[in-house]
PDB file of N, CA and C in Angstrom:
ATOM      1  N   UNK A   1      93.443 124.081 135.321  1.00  0.00           N
ATOM      2  CA  UNK A   1      91.901 123.926 135.439  1.00  0.00           C
ATOM      3  C   UNK A   1      91.193 124.303 133.950  1.00  0.00           C
ATOM      4  N   UNK A   2      90.706 122.963 133.482  1.00  0.00           N
ATOM      5  CA  UNK A   2      89.667 123.387 132.283  1.00  0.00           C
ATOM      6  C   UNK A   2      88.883 124.457 132.318  1.00  0.00           C
ATOM      7  N   UNK A   3      88.179 124.736 131.122  1.00  0.00           N
ATOM      8  CA  UNK A   3      86.884 125.579 131.053  1.00  0.00           C
ATOM      9  C   UNK A   3      85.687 125.088 131.660  1.00  0.00           C
ATOM     10  N   UNK A   4      85.678 123.636 131.188  1.00  0.00           N
ATOM     11  CA  UNK A   4      84.546 122.943 131.732  1.00  0.00           C
ATOM     12  C   UNK A   4      84.238 122.880 133.323  1.00  0.00           C
ATOM     13  N   UNK A   5      85.386 122.634 133.891  1.00  0.00           N
ATOM     14  CA  UNK A   5      85.340 122.748 135.390  1.00  0.00           C
ATOM     15  C   UNK A   5      85.097 123.868 136.107  1.00  0.00           C
ATOM     16  N   UNK A   6      85.782 124.776 135.107  1.00  0.00           N
ATOM     17  CA  UNK A   6      85.523 126.519 135.997  1.00  0.00           C
ATOM     18  C   UNK A   6      84.208 126.611 135.842  1.00  0.00           C
ATOM     19  N   UNK A   7      83.360 126.302 134.442  1.00  0.00           N
ATOM     20  CA  UNK A   7      81.991 127.050 134.421  1.00  0.00           C
ATOM     21  C   UNK A   7      81.270 126.000 135.557  1.00  0.00           C
ATOM     22  N   UNK A   8      81.601 124.462 135.706  1.00  0.00           N
ATOM     23  CA  UNK A   8      80.867 123.842 136.630  1.00  0.00           C
ATOM     24  C   UNK A   8      80.911 124.444 137.942  1.00  0.00           C
ATOM     25  N   UNK A   9      81.897 124.959 138.125  1.00  0.00           N
ATOM     26  CA  UNK A   9      82.222 125.484 139.367  1.00  0.00           C
ATOM     27  C   UNK A   9      81.603 126.848 139.901  1.00  0.00           C
ATOM     28  N   UNK A  10      81.396 127.698 138.771  1.00  0.00           N
ATOM     29  CA  UNK A  10      80.888 128.929 138.987  1.00  0.00           C
ATOM     30  C   UNK A  10      79.260 128.831 138.845  1.00  0.00           C
ATOM     31  N   UNK A  11      78.693 127.682 138.188  1.00  0.00           N
ATOM     32  CA  UNK A  11      77.258 127.455 138.063  1.00  0.00           C
ATOM     33  C   UNK A  11      76.981 127.145 139.146  1.00  0.00           C
ATOM     34  N   UNK A  12      77.587 126.300 139.967  1.00  0.00           N
ATOM     35  CA  UNK A  12      77.431 125.613 141.522  1.00  0.00           C
ATOM     36  C   UNK A  12      77.457 126.936 142.272  1.00  0.00           C
ATOM     37  N   UNK A  13      78.184 127.952 142.634  1.00  0.00           N
ATOM     38  CA  UNK A  13      78.313 128.883 143.381  1.00  0.00           C
ATOM     39  C   UNK A  13      77.060 130.140 142.987  1.00  0.00           C
ATOM     40  N   UNK A  14      76.705 130.247 141.703  1.00  0.00           N
ATOM     41  CA  UNK A  14      75.803 130.779 141.758  1.00  0.00           C
ATOM     42  C   UNK A  14      74.285 130.204 141.755  1.00  0.00           C
ATOM     43  N   UNK A  15      74.433 128.824 141.589  1.00  0.00           N
ATOM     44  CA  UNK A  15      73.041 128.161 142.119  1.00  0.00           C
ATOM     45  C   UNK A  15      72.947 128.051 143.643  1.00  0.00           C
ATOM     46  N   UNK A  16      73.865 127.844 144.419  1.00  0.00           N
ATOM     47  CA  UNK A  16      73.991 128.019 145.947  1.00  0.00           C
ATOM     48  C   UNK A  16      73.370 129.503 146.219  1.00  0.00           C
ATOM     49  N   UNK A  17      74.045 130.553 145.441  1.00  0.00           N
ATOM     50  CA  UNK A  17      73.526 131.673 146.110  1.00  0.00           C
ATOM     51  C   UNK A  17      72.057 131.953 145.682  1.00  0.00           C
ATOM     52  N   UNK A  18      71.271 131.621 144.329  1.00  0.00           N
ATOM     53  CA  UNK A  18      70.322 131.880 144.080  1.00  0.00           C
ATOM     54  C   UNK A  18      69.134 130.998 145.008  1.00  0.00           C
ATOM     55  N   UNK A  19      69.619 129.651 145.468  1.00  0.00           N
ATOM     56  CA  UNK A  19      68.657 128.851 146.391  1.00  0.00           C
ATOM     57  C   UNK A  19      69.034 129.887 147.720  1.00  0.00           C
ATOM     58  N   UNK A  20      69.715 130.422 148.210  1.00  0.00           N
ATOM     59  CA  UNK A  20      69.906 131.134 149.418  1.00  0.00           C
ATOM     60  C   UNK A  20      69.024 132.034 149.391  1.00  0.00           C
ATOM     61  N   UNK A  21      69.048 132.960 148.574  1.00  0.00           N
ATOM     62  CA  UNK A  21      68.261 134.124 148.244  1.00  0.00           C
ATOM     63  C   UNK A  21      66.886 133.500 148.030  1.00  0.00           C
ATOM     64  N   UNK A  22      66.437 132.714 147.437  1.00  0.00           N
ATOM     65  CA  UNK A  22      64.941 132.347 147.440  1.00  0.00           C
ATOM     66  C   UNK A  22      64.608 131.367 148.508  1.00  0.00           C
ATOM     67  N   UNK A  23      65.124 130.753 149.132  1.00  0.00           N
ATOM     68  CA  UNK A  23      64.943 130.431 150.439  1.00  0.00           C
ATOM     69  C   UNK A  23      64.651 131.227 151.782  1.00  0.00           C
ATOM     70  N   UNK A  24      64.710 132.537 151.341  1.00  0.00           N
ATOM     71  CA  UNK A  24      64.432 133.423 152.480  1.00  0.00           C
ATOM     72  C   UNK A  24      63.115 134.048 152.316  1.00  0.00           C
ATOM     73  N   UNK A  25      62.466 133.614 151.392  1.00  0.00           N
ATOM     74  CA  UNK A  25      61.226 134.132 150.531  1.00  0.00           C
ATOM     75  C   UNK A  25      60.120 132.822 151.778  1.00  0.00           C
ATOM     76  N   UNK A  26      59.130 133.354 152.032  1.00  0.00           N
ATOM     77  CA  UNK A  26      58.075 132.567 152.889  1.00  0.00           C
ATOM     78  C   UNK A  26      57.417 131.535 151.716  1.00  0.00           C
ATOM     79  N   UNK A  27      57.185 131.777 150.761  1.00  0.00           N
ATOM     80  CA  UNK A  27      56.427 130.990 149.792  1.00  0.00           C
ATOM     81  C   UNK A  27      57.089 130.208 149.215  1.00  0.00           C
ATOM     82  N   UNK A  28      58.583 130.677 148.722  1.00  0.00           N
ATOM     83  CA  UNK A  28      59.159 129.800 148.079  1.00  0.00           C
ATOM     84  C   UNK A  28      59.993 128.689 149.228  1.00  0.00           C
ATOM     85  N   UNK A  29      60.197 128.950 150.314  1.00  0.00           N
ATOM     86  CA  UNK A  29      61.031 128.353 151.459  1.00  0.00           C
ATOM     87  C   UNK A  29      59.444 127.079 151.949  1.00  0.00           C
ATOM     88  N   UNK A  30      58.332 127.570 151.945  1.00  0.00           N
ATOM     89  CA  UNK A  30      57.076 126.566 152.113  1.00  0.00           C
ATOM     90  C   UNK A  30      57.262 125.548 150.804  1.00  0.00           C
ATOM     91  N   UNK A  31      57.530 126.091 149.698  1.00  0.00           N
ATOM     92  CA  UNK A  31      57.269 125.086 148.628  1.00  0.00           C
ATOM     93  C   UNK A  31      58.773 124.084 148.647  1.00  0.00           C
ATOM     94  N   UNK A  32      59.613 124.610 148.901  1.00  0.00           N
ATOM     95  CA  UNK A  32      60.857 123.739 149.220  1.00  0.00           C
ATOM     96  C   UNK A  32      60.650 122.871 150.113  1.00  0.00           C
ATOM     97  N   UNK A  33      60.107 123.314 151.192  1.00  0.00           N
ATOM     98  CA  UNK A  33      59.870 122.267 152.383  1.00  0.00           C
ATOM     99  C   UNK A  33      58.787 121.178 151.984  1.00  0.00           C
ATOM    100  N   UNK A  34      58.138 121.408 151.413  1.00  0.00           N
ATOM    101  CA  UNK A  34      57.024 120.600 150.501  1.00  0.00           C
ATOM    102  C   UNK A  34      57.585 119.367 149.624  1.00  0.00           C
ATOM    103  N   UNK A  35      58.567 119.986 148.722  1.00  0.00           N
ATOM    104  CA  UNK A  35      58.990 119.252 147.802  1.00  0.00           C
ATOM    105  C   UNK A  35      59.929 118.266 148.474  1.00  0.00           C
ATOM    106  N   UNK A  36      60.509 118.748 149.360  1.00  0.00           N
ATOM    107  CA  UNK A  36      61.443 117.613 150.272  1.00  0.00           C
ATOM    108  C   UNK A  36      60.803 116.806 151.109  1.00  0.00           C
ATOM    109  N   UNK A  37      59.506 117.003 151.467  1.00  0.00           N
ATOM    110  CA  UNK A  37      58.691 116.225 152.348  1.00  0.00           C
ATOM    111  C   UNK A  37      58.023 114.890 151.591  1.00  0.00           C
ATOM    112  N   UNK A  38      57.433 115.604 150.286  1.00  0.00           N
ATOM    113  CA  UNK A  38      57.345 114.526 149.104  1.00  0.00           C
ATOM    114  C   UNK A  38      58.102 113.778 148.552  1.00  0.00           C
ATOM    115  N   UNK A  39      59.534 114.447 148.582  1.00  0.00           N
ATOM    116  CA  UNK A  39      60.782 113.096 148.369  1.00  0.00           C
ATOM    117  C   UNK A  39      60.848 112.292 149.353  1.00  0.00           C
ATOM    118  N   UNK A  40      60.774 112.797 150.676  1.00  0.00           N
ATOM    119  CA  UNK A  40      60.805 111.590 151.816  1.00  0.00           C
ATOM    120  C   UNK A  40      59.434 110.928 151.947  1.00  0.00           C
ATOM    121  N   UNK A  41      58.578 111.242 151.603  1.00  0.00           N
ATOM    122  CA  UNK A  41      57.457 110.266 151.308  1.00  0.00           C
ATOM    123  C   UNK A  41      57.747 109.207 150.061  1.00  0.00           C
ATOM    124  N   UNK A  42      58.011 109.536 149.063  1.00  0.00           N
ATOM    125  CA  UNK A  42      58.346 108.761 147.951  1.00  0.00           C
ATOM    126  C   UNK A  42      59.504 107.906 148.224  1.00  0.00           C
ATOM    127  N   UNK A  43      60.352 108.130 149.195  1.00  0.00           N
ATOM    128  CA  UNK A  43      61.733 107.434 149.514  1.00  0.00           C
ATOM    129  C   UNK A  43      61.352 105.973 150.446  1.00  0.00           C
ATOM    130  N   UNK A  44      60.194 106.811 151.441  1.00  0.00           N
ATOM    131  CA  UNK A  44      59.508 105.723 152.331  1.00  0.00           C
ATOM    132  C   UNK A  44      59.069 104.618 151.762  1.00  0.00           C
ATOM    133  N   UNK A  45      58.228 105.110 150.297  1.00  0.00           N
ATOM    134  CA  UNK A  45      57.155 104.195 150.015  1.00  0.00           C
ATOM    135  C   UNK A  45      57.903 103.145 149.281  1.00  0.00           C
ATOM    136  N   UNK A  46      59.132 103.932 148.745  1.00  0.00           N
ATOM    137  CA  UNK A  46      59.770 102.890 147.471  1.00  0.00           C
ATOM    138  C   UNK A  46      60.467 101.731 148.644  1.00  0.00           C
ATOM    139  N   UNK A  47      61.019 102.455 149.845  1.00  0.00           N
ATOM    140  CA  UNK A  47      61.790 101.280 150.936  1.00  0.00           C
ATOM    141  C   UNK A  47      61.035 100.486 151.257  1.00  0.00           C
ATOM    142  N   UNK A  48      59.549 100.454 151.652  1.00  0.00           N
ATOM    143  CA  UNK A  48      58.681  99.624 151.907  1.00  0.00           C
ATOM    144  C   UNK A  48      58.258  98.782 150.789  1.00  0.00           C
ATOM    145  N   UNK A  49      57.967  99.248 149.858  1.00  0.00           N
ATOM    146  CA  UNK A  49      57.820  98.203 148.694  1.00  0.00           C
ATOM    147  C   UNK A  49      59.050  97.193 148.490  1.00  0.00           C
ATOM    148  N   UNK A  50      60.403  97.882 148.390  1.00  0.00           N
ATOM    149  CA  UNK A  50      61.246  96.971 148.160  1.00  0.00           C
ATOM    150  C   UNK A  50      61.595  95.732 149.411  1.00  0.00           C
ATOM    151  N   UNK A  51      61.195  96.395 150.576  1.00  0.00           N
ATOM    152  CA  UNK A  51      61.187  95.410 151.738  1.00  0.00           C
ATOM    153  C   UNK A  51      60.201  94.268 151.449  1.00  0.00           C
ATOM    154  N   UNK A  52      59.129  94.753 150.792  1.00  0.00           N
ATOM    155  CA  UNK A  52      57.836  93.529 150.651  1.00  0.00           C
ATOM    156  C   UNK A  52      58.394  92.586 149.632  1.00  0.00           C
ATOM    157  N   UNK A  53      59.095  93.148 148.363  1.00  0.00           N
ATOM    158  CA  UNK A  53      59.652  92.317 147.377  1.00  0.00           C
ATOM    159  C   UNK A  53      60.910  91.456 148.095  1.00  0.00           C
ATOM    160  N   UNK A  54      61.717  91.817 148.840  1.00  0.00           N
ATOM    161  CA  UNK A  54      62.598  91.052 149.379  1.00  0.00           C
ATOM    162  C   UNK A  54      62.082  90.189 150.472  1.00  0.00           C
ATOM    163  N   UNK A  55      60.813  90.223 151.350  1.00  0.00           N
ATOM    164  CA  UNK A  55      60.195  89.348 151.853  1.00  0.00           C
ATOM    165  C   UNK A  55      59.568  88.210 151.139  1.00  0.00           C
ATOM    166  N   UNK A  56      58.920  88.453 150.074  1.00  0.00           N
ATOM    167  CA  UNK A  56      58.284  87.788 148.982  1.00  0.00           C
ATOM    168  C   UNK A  56      59.550  86.815 148.632  1.00  0.00           C
ATOM    169  N   UNK A  57      60.912  87.356 148.355  1.00  0.00           N
ATOM    170  CA  UNK A  57      61.706  86.692 147.511  1.00  0.00           C
ATOM    171  C   UNK A  57      62.248  85.419 148.680  1.00  0.00           C
ATOM    172  N   UNK A  58      62.382  86.078 149.962  1.00  0.00           N
ATOM    173  CA  UNK A  58      62.761  85.019 150.813  1.00  0.00           C
ATOM    174  C   UNK A  58      61.484  83.961 151.105  1.00  0.00           C
ATOM    175  N   UNK A  59      60.714  84.171 150.942  1.00  0.00           N
ATOM    176  CA  UNK A  59      59.562  83.341 151.296  1.00  0.00           C
ATOM    177  C   UNK A  59      59.587  82.022 150.229  1.00  0.00           C
ATOM    178  N   UNK A  60      59.809  82.742 148.990  1.00  0.00           N
ATOM    179  CA  UNK A  60      60.289  81.719 147.466  1.00  0.00           C
ATOM    180  C   UNK A  60      61.085  80.981 147.848  1.00  0.00           C
ATOM    181  N   UNK A  61      62.270  81.593 148.200  1.00  0.00           N
ATOM    182  CA  UNK A  61      63.608  80.877 148.592  1.00  0.00           C
ATOM    183  C   UNK A  61      63.616  79.972 149.420  1.00  0.00           C
ATOM    184  N   UNK A  62      63.046  80.220 150.499  1.00  0.00           N
ATOM    185  CA  UNK A  62      62.801  79.143 151.802  1.00  0.00           C
ATOM    186  C   UNK A  62      61.822  78.128 151.317  1.00  0.00           C
ATOM    187  N   UNK A  63      60.662  78.180 150.744  1.00  0.00           N
ATOM    188  CA  UNK A  63      59.822  77.206 150.240  1.00  0.00           C
ATOM    189  C   UNK A  63      60.509  76.169 149.271  1.00  0.00           C
ATOM    190  N   UNK A  64      61.339  76.682 148.255  1.00  0.00           N
ATOM    191  CA  UNK A  64      62.166  76.179 147.253  1.00  0.00           C
ATOM    192  C   UNK A  64      62.995  75.167 147.952  1.00  0.00           C
ATOM    193  N   UNK A  65      63.650  75.784 148.999  1.00  0.00           N
ATOM    194  CA  UNK A  65      64.953  75.006 150.114  1.00  0.00           C
ATOM    195  C   UNK A  65      63.920  73.685 150.439  1.00  0.00           C
ATOM    196  N   UNK A  66      62.749  73.920 151.028  1.00  0.00           N
ATOM    197  CA  UNK A  66      62.071  72.886 151.950  1.00  0.00           C
ATOM    198  C   UNK A  66      61.365  71.643 150.983  1.00  0.00           C
ATOM    199  N   UNK A  67      61.292  72.158 149.688  1.00  0.00           N
ATOM    200  CA  UNK A  67      60.675  71.465 148.889  1.00  0.00           C
ATOM    201  C   UNK A  67      61.927  70.516 148.336  1.00  0.00           C
ATOM    202  N   UNK A  68      63.236  70.922 148.034  1.00  0.00           N
ATOM    203  CA  UNK A  68      64.404  70.223 147.629  1.00  0.00           C
ATOM    204  C   UNK A  68      64.509  69.270 148.956  1.00  0.00           C
ATOM    205  N   UNK A  69      64.363  69.688 150.057  1.00  0.00           N
ATOM    206  CA  UNK A  69      64.895  68.716 151.112  1.00  0.00           C
ATOM    207  C   UNK A  69      63.716  67.675 151.044  1.00  0.00           C
ATOM    208  N   UNK A  70      62.547  67.878 150.908  1.00  0.00           N
ATOM    209  CA  UNK A  70      61.693  66.829 150.993  1.00  0.00           C
ATOM    210  C   UNK A  70      61.829  65.773 149.840  1.00  0.00           C
ATOM    211  N   UNK A  71      62.076  66.263 148.450  1.00  0.00           N
ATOM    212  CA  UNK A  71      62.413  65.430 147.712  1.00  0.00           C
ATOM    213  C   UNK A  71      63.731  64.694 147.923  1.00  0.00           C
ATOM    214  N   UNK A  72      64.599  65.299 148.687  1.00  0.00           N
ATOM    215  CA  UNK A  72      65.890  64.371 148.838  1.00  0.00           C
ATOM    216  C   UNK A  72      65.603  63.308 149.626  1.00  0.00           C
ATOM    217  N   UNK A  73      64.575  63.613 150.956  1.00  0.00           N
ATOM    218  CA  UNK A  73      64.462  62.653 151.593  1.00  0.00           C
ATOM    219  C   UNK A  73      63.433  61.623 150.954  1.00  0.00           C
ATOM    220  N   UNK A  74      62.859  61.638 150.445  1.00  0.00           N
ATOM    221  CA  UNK A  74      61.690  61.217 149.533  1.00  0.00           C
ATOM    222  C   UNK A  74      62.668  60.091 148.738  1.00  0.00           C
ATOM    223  N   UNK A  75      63.452  60.510 148.123  1.00  0.00           N
ATOM    224  CA  UNK A  75      64.466  59.804 147.313  1.00  0.00           C
ATOM    225  C   UNK A  75      65.232  58.874 147.993  1.00  0.00           C
ATOM    226  N   UNK A  76      65.514  59.392 148.862  1.00  0.00           N
ATOM    227  CA  UNK A  76      66.353  58.373 149.802  1.00  0.00           C
ATOM    228  C   UNK A  76      65.733  57.297 150.601  1.00  0.00           C
ATOM    229  N   UNK A  77      64.768  57.674 150.880  1.00  0.00           N
ATOM    230  CA  UNK A  77      63.579  56.606 151.509  1.00  0.00           C
ATOM    231  C   UNK A  77      62.969  55.527 150.276  1.00  0.00           C
ATOM    232  N   UNK A  78      62.563  56.241 149.520  1.00  0.00           N
ATOM    233  CA  UNK A  78      62.363  55.391 148.217  1.00  0.00           C
ATOM    234  C   UNK A  78      63.570  54.306 147.956  1.00  0.00           C
ATOM    235  N   UNK A  79      64.917  54.615 147.865  1.00  0.00           N
ATOM    236  CA  UNK A  79      65.922  53.807 147.858  1.00  0.00           C
ATOM    237  C   UNK A  79      66.073  52.509 148.523  1.00  0.00           C
ATOM    238  N   UNK A  80      66.199  53.360 149.729  1.00  0.00           N
ATOM    239  CA  UNK A  80      66.134  52.307 151.013  1.00  0.00           C
ATOM    240  C   UNK A  80      65.166  51.389 150.696  1.00  0.00           C
ATOM    241  N   UNK A  81      63.965  51.792 150.409  1.00  0.00           N
ATOM    242  CA  UNK A  81      62.956  50.482 150.158  1.00  0.00           C
ATOM    243  C   UNK A  81      62.932  49.729 149.229  1.00  0.00           C
ATOM    244  N   UNK A  82      63.420  50.308 148.127  1.00  0.00           N
ATOM    245  CA  UNK A  82      63.621  49.641 146.837  1.00  0.00           C
ATOM    246  C   UNK A  82      64.877  48.139 146.938  1.00  0.00           C
ATOM    247  N   UNK A  83      66.308  48.804 148.156  1.00  0.00           N
ATOM    248  CA  UNK A  83      66.957  47.964 148.441  1.00  0.00           C
ATOM    249  C   UNK A  83      66.344  46.788 148.921  1.00  0.00           C
ATOM    250  N   UNK A  84      65.850  46.987 150.233  1.00  0.00           N
ATOM    251  CA  UNK A  84      65.135  46.335 150.966  1.00  0.00           C
ATOM    252  C   UNK A  84      64.371  45.202 150.510  1.00  0.00           C
ATOM    253  N   UNK A  85      63.344  45.970 149.396  1.00  0.00           N
ATOM    254  CA  UNK A  85      62.276  44.822 148.463  1.00  0.00           C
ATOM    255  C   UNK A  85      62.745  43.973 147.807  1.00  0.00           C
ATOM    256  N   UNK A  86      64.419  44.270 147.165  1.00  0.00           N
ATOM    257  CA  UNK A  86      64.865  43.556 146.252  1.00  0.00           C
ATOM    258  C   UNK A  86      65.979  42.647 146.832  1.00  0.00           C
ATOM    259  N   UNK A  87      66.258  42.750 148.301  1.00  0.00           N
ATOM    260  CA  UNK A  87      66.745  41.522 148.655  1.00  0.00           C
ATOM    261  C   UNK A  87      65.707  40.716 149.231  1.00  0.00           C
ATOM    262  N   UNK A  88      64.675  41.108 149.744  1.00  0.00           N
ATOM    263  CA  UNK A  88      63.656  39.993 149.838  1.00  0.00           C
ATOM    264  C   UNK A  88      63.376  39.037 149.004  1.00  0.00           C
ATOM    265  N   UNK A  89      63.044  39.831 147.734  1.00  0.00           N
ATOM    266  CA  UNK A  89      62.660  39.201 146.529  1.00  0.00           C
ATOM    267  C   UNK A  89      63.774  38.228 145.961  1.00  0.00           C
ATOM    268  N   UNK A  90      64.854  38.724 146.093  1.00  0.00           N
ATOM    269  CA  UNK A  90      65.909  37.589 145.571  1.00  0.00           C
ATOM    270  C   UNK A  90      66.023  36.608 146.702  1.00  0.00           C
ATOM    271  N   UNK A  91      65.948  36.617 147.763  1.00  0.00           N
ATOM    272  CA  UNK A  91      66.090  35.631 149.252  1.00  0.00           C
ATOM    273  C   UNK A  91      64.691  34.746 148.602  1.00  0.00           C
ATOM    274  N   UNK A  92      63.826  35.310 148.422  1.00  0.00           N
ATOM    275  CA  UNK A  92      62.581  34.367 147.804  1.00  0.00           C
ATOM    276  C   UNK A  92      62.705  33.325 146.576  1.00  0.00           C
ATOM    277  N   UNK A  93      63.392  34.138 145.636  1.00  0.00           N
ATOM    278  CA  UNK A  93      63.595  33.613 144.563  1.00  0.00           C
ATOM    279  C   UNK A  93      64.648  32.427 144.854  1.00  0.00           C
ATOM    280  N   UNK A  94      65.728  32.726 145.675  1.00  0.00           N
ATOM    281  CA  UNK A  94      66.634  31.913 145.892  1.00  0.00           C
ATOM    282  C   UNK A  94      66.456  30.348 146.701  1.00  0.00           C
ATOM    283  N   UNK A  95      65.278  30.792 147.442  1.00  0.00           N
ATOM    284  CA  UNK A  95      64.641  29.811 148.198  1.00  0.00           C
ATOM    285  C   UNK A  95      63.741  29.000 147.495  1.00  0.00           C
ATOM    286  N   UNK A  96      63.215  29.310 146.576  1.00  0.00           N
ATOM    287  CA  UNK A  96      62.351  29.052 145.424  1.00  0.00           C
ATOM    288  C   UNK A  96      63.139  27.959 144.294  1.00  0.00           C
ATOM    289  N   UNK A  97      64.150  28.455 144.019  1.00  0.00           N
ATOM    290  CA  UNK A  97      65.511  27.703 143.258  1.00  0.00           C
ATOM    291  C   UNK A  97      65.834  26.690 144.094  1.00  0.00           C
ATOM    292  N   UNK A  98      66.094  26.696 145.238  1.00  0.00           N
ATOM    293  CA  UNK A  98      66.708  25.644 146.134  1.00  0.00           C
ATOM    294  C   UNK A  98      65.223  24.445 146.203  1.00  0.00           C
ATOM    295  N   UNK A  99      64.172  24.789 146.502  1.00  0.00           N
ATOM    296  CA  UNK A  99      63.158  24.054 146.688  1.00  0.00           C
ATOM    297  C   UNK A  99      63.053  23.015 145.116  1.00  0.00           C
ATOM    298  N   UNK A 100      62.991  23.809 144.242  1.00  0.00           N
ATOM    299  CA  UNK A 100      62.963  23.376 142.756  1.00  0.00           C
ATOM    300  C   UNK A 100      64.119  22.523 142.563  1.00  0.00           C
ATOM    301  N   UNK A 101      65.333  22.873 143.098  1.00  0.00           N
ATOM    302  CA  UNK A 101      66.610  21.856 142.599  1.00  0.00           C
ATOM    303  C   UNK A 101      66.257  20.703 143.590  1.00  0.00           C
ATOM    304  N   UNK A 102      65.344  20.828 144.694  1.00  0.00           N
ATOM    305  CA  UNK A 102      65.379  19.382 145.677  1.00  0.00           C
ATOM    306  C   UNK A 102      64.345  18.770 144.872  1.00  0.00           C
ATOM    307  N   UNK A 103      63.514  19.186 144.679  1.00  0.00           N
ATOM    308  CA  UNK A 103      62.342  18.488 143.602  1.00  0.00           C
ATOM    309  C   UNK A 103      62.821  17.732 142.787  1.00  0.00           C
ATOM    310  N   UNK A 104      63.444  18.547 141.951  1.00  0.00           N
ATOM    311  CA  UNK A 104      64.421  17.512 140.576  1.00  0.00           C
ATOM    312  C   UNK A 104      65.302  16.648 141.207  1.00  0.00           C
ATOM    313  N   UNK A 105      65.786  16.514 142.316  1.00  0.00           N
ATOM    314  CA  UNK A 105      66.881  15.582 142.536  1.00  0.00           C
ATOM    315  C   UNK A 105      66.025  14.467 143.122  1.00  0.00           C
ATOM    316  N   UNK A 106      64.900  14.871 143.987  1.00  0.00           N
ATOM    317  CA  UNK A 106      64.059  13.690 144.446  1.00  0.00           C
ATOM    318  C   UNK A 106      63.415  12.746 143.451  1.00  0.00           C
ATOM    319  N   UNK A 107      62.965  13.622 142.270  1.00  0.00           N
ATOM    320  CA  UNK A 107      62.514  12.819 141.122  1.00  0.00           C
ATOM    321  C   UNK A 107      63.501  12.391 140.349  1.00  0.00           C
ATOM    322  N   UNK A 108      64.341  12.559 140.292  1.00  0.00           N
ATOM    323  CA  UNK A 108      65.737  12.021 139.551  1.00  0.00           C
ATOM    324  C   UNK A 108      65.973  10.539 140.715  1.00  0.00           C
ATOM    325  N   UNK A 109      65.997  10.795 141.561  1.00  0.00           N
ATOM    326  CA  UNK A 109      66.338   9.510 142.349  1.00  0.00           C
ATOM    327  C   UNK A 109      65.317   8.541 142.611  1.00  0.00           C
ATOM    328  N   UNK A 110      63.852   8.426 142.427  1.00  0.00           N
ATOM    329  CA  UNK A 110      63.133   7.631 142.034  1.00  0.00           C
ATOM    330  C   UNK A 110      63.135   6.840 140.989  1.00  0.00           C
TER     331      UNK A 110
END
């Protein structure tokens, strides 16, 4: 075992003893309790803030998913309508071409 580990072990043992002796003093004990209570309050506040951030992130993500679905549905419907309109226009053009051809044949037959 190296000297660094030995010093760390000894320091921990001494610190533990000092804390134990100091914790028997009423004022020191009360200060420690207050310190731990403040630490717990800070942790609770941090947890609450983190939960708020998580909730906001989930809301943003849900909104983005919804917008993506709306855009996809709109694009699909637009493509469907364009296809139907294109078919109708092509049918009308074909009918007009037939009518024009028939008129040319009738004129040529005169």
